[in-house]
Amino acid sequence: MKKIHVTSLALLAIAALSAPAFSAGDMPGMDMPMKSSGTMASSNAALTDAVVKKVDAATGMVTLKHGALENVGMPAMTMAFKAKDAAMVKQAHEGDKVKVRVENVNGTMTIVKLEKQK
């Protein structure tokens, strides 16, 4: 009986080692989008158009009317977000057209990048 188990395990190991390894690029016609593991730097990520509706320096919150935030699965809406740092809050003024990157930072939707538009 032991001999059958050992033989079976050996055959399974050989089959596993000889099986080809496939990646999404090896399978034409199989478009399988891959989610980032979060290692992409925020500065290289897509920015979303928004308009600053309100700035609250005391709380570090900026209210934005923004387009869809694809990376966090949020549709277009108006919402207040925590700013990553005080400098961001100081540069934002009501009515400014901006491009933003919002990410979920420890459970809080946070503006991690904000660029004023000309």
Protein backbone atom coordinates (compact mmCIF):
# COMPACT_ATOMS: atom_id res chain seq x y z
CA MET A 1 0.00 0.00 0.00
CA LYS A 2 2.89 2.40 0.83
CA LYS A 3 4.41 1.65 -2.56
CA ILE A 4 1.19 2.77 -4.30
CA HIS A 5 1.15 6.07 -2.38
CA VAL A 6 4.80 6.78 -3.12
CA THR A 7 4.33 5.93 -6.80
CA SER A 8 1.20 8.12 -7.00
CA LEU A 9 2.97 11.06 -5.36
CA ALA A 10 5.94 10.66 -7.68
CA LEU A 11 3.68 10.68 -10.75
CA LEU A 12 1.81 13.75 -9.51
CA ALA A 13 5.09 15.58 -8.88
CA ILE A 14 6.35 14.76 -12.37
CA ALA A 15 3.07 15.86 -13.94
CA ALA A 16 3.12 19.13 -12.00
CA LEU A 17 6.71 19.90 -12.95
CA SER A 18 6.22 19.10 -16.61
CA ALA A 19 3.01 21.15 -16.99
CA PRO A 20 3.59 24.40 -18.88
CA ALA A 21 3.28 27.63 -16.90
CA PHE A 22 0.97 30.14 -18.57
CA SER A 23 0.73 33.87 -18.13
CA ALA A 24 -2.00 36.14 -19.53
CA GLY A 25 0.37 37.05 -22.39
CA ASP A 26 0.75 33.37 -23.36
CA MET A 27 -2.93 32.95 -24.05
CA PRO A 28 -4.00 34.97 -27.11
CA GLY A 29 -7.60 36.10 -26.95
CA MET A 30 -7.68 35.92 -23.16
CA ASP A 31 -7.78 39.55 -22.07
CA MET A 32 -7.40 39.25 -18.32
CA PRO A 33 -6.95 42.65 -16.67
CA MET A 34 -4.57 42.53 -13.74
CA LYS A 35 -5.14 44.75 -10.71
CA SER A 36 -2.06 46.47 -9.38
CA SER A 37 -0.78 45.22 -6.07
CA GLY A 38 -0.56 48.82 -4.92
CA THR A 39 3.12 49.15 -5.70
CA MET A 40 2.58 51.75 -8.42
CA ALA A 41 3.63 55.16 -7.19
CA SER A 42 0.78 57.61 -6.77
CA SER A 43 2.59 60.19 -8.90
CA ASN A 44 2.47 57.83 -11.89
CA ALA A 45 -1.20 56.94 -11.43
CA ALA A 46 -4.09 58.50 -13.33
CA LEU A 47 -5.47 61.79 -12.05
CA THR A 48 -9.15 62.76 -12.06
CA ASP A 49 -10.62 66.16 -12.94
CA ALA A 50 -12.28 67.95 -10.03
CA VAL A 51 -13.42 71.37 -8.80
CA VAL A 52 -12.71 72.55 -5.25
CA LYS A 53 -16.03 73.37 -3.58
CA LYS A 54 -14.83 74.05 -0.03
CA VAL A 55 -11.60 74.08 1.97
CA ASP A 56 -11.55 73.55 5.74
CA ALA A 57 -8.02 74.25 6.96
CA ALA A 58 -8.93 73.46 10.58
CA THR A 59 -9.82 69.84 9.77
CA GLY A 60 -7.59 69.38 6.71
CA MET A 61 -10.62 68.54 4.57
CA VAL A 62 -11.19 69.57 0.95
CA THR A 63 -14.62 69.17 -0.65
CA LEU A 64 -14.38 68.22 -4.32
CA LYS A 65 -16.86 67.84 -7.13
CA HIS A 66 -15.00 65.07 -8.94
CA GLY A 67 -15.25 62.68 -11.84
CA ALA A 68 -15.24 58.91 -11.32
CA LEU A 69 -12.39 57.72 -9.10
CA GLU A 70 -11.80 54.39 -10.81
CA ASN A 71 -9.01 53.22 -8.50
CA VAL A 72 -11.30 53.31 -5.45
CA GLY A 73 -14.52 52.39 -7.27
CA MET A 74 -16.27 55.70 -6.63
CA PRO A 75 -18.62 57.31 -9.16
CA ALA A 76 -18.62 61.04 -9.90
CA MET A 77 -19.99 63.08 -6.98
CA THR A 78 -19.29 65.90 -4.55
CA MET A 79 -17.57 64.77 -1.35
CA ALA A 80 -15.15 65.97 1.34
CA PHE A 81 -11.77 64.25 1.50
CA LYS A 82 -8.91 64.37 3.96
CA ALA A 83 -5.83 66.00 2.40
CA LYS A 84 -2.54 64.12 2.73
CA ASP A 85 -0.79 67.19 4.11
CA ALA A 86 -1.33 70.82 5.15
CA ALA A 87 0.46 72.17 2.06
CA MET A 88 -2.25 70.65 -0.11
CA VAL A 89 -4.95 72.39 1.92
CA LYS A 90 -3.14 75.74 1.66
CA GLN A 91 -2.84 75.57 -2.13
CA ALA A 92 -6.51 74.67 -2.70
CA HIS A 93 -9.08 77.46 -3.01
CA GLU A 94 -12.81 77.36 -3.63
CA GLY A 95 -13.51 77.31 -7.37
CA ASP A 96 -10.08 75.94 -8.38
CA LYS A 97 -10.06 73.41 -11.20
CA VAL A 98 -7.71 70.62 -10.17
CA LYS A 99 -6.59 67.10 -11.00
CA VAL A 100 -6.50 64.73 -8.04
CA ARG A 101 -5.54 61.24 -6.99
CA VAL A 102 -7.61 59.86 -4.12
CA GLU A 103 -6.64 56.65 -2.35
CA ASN A 104 -7.92 54.67 0.61
CA VAL A 105 -5.29 55.34 3.28
CA ASN A 106 -5.92 53.29 6.41
CA GLY A 107 -9.68 53.33 5.80
CA THR A 108 -9.90 57.07 5.01
CA MET A 109 -10.42 58.42 1.50
CA THR A 110 -7.44 60.75 1.17
CA ILE A 111 -6.25 63.17 -1.51
CA VAL A 112 -2.68 61.98 -2.09
CA LYS A 113 -1.97 64.24 -5.08
CA LEU A 114 -3.50 67.55 -6.10
CA GLU A 115 -2.48 69.63 -9.13
CA LYS A 116 -4.03 73.00 -10.00
CA GLN A 117 -5.14 73.41 -13.62
CA LYS A 118 -4.31 76.59 -15.55
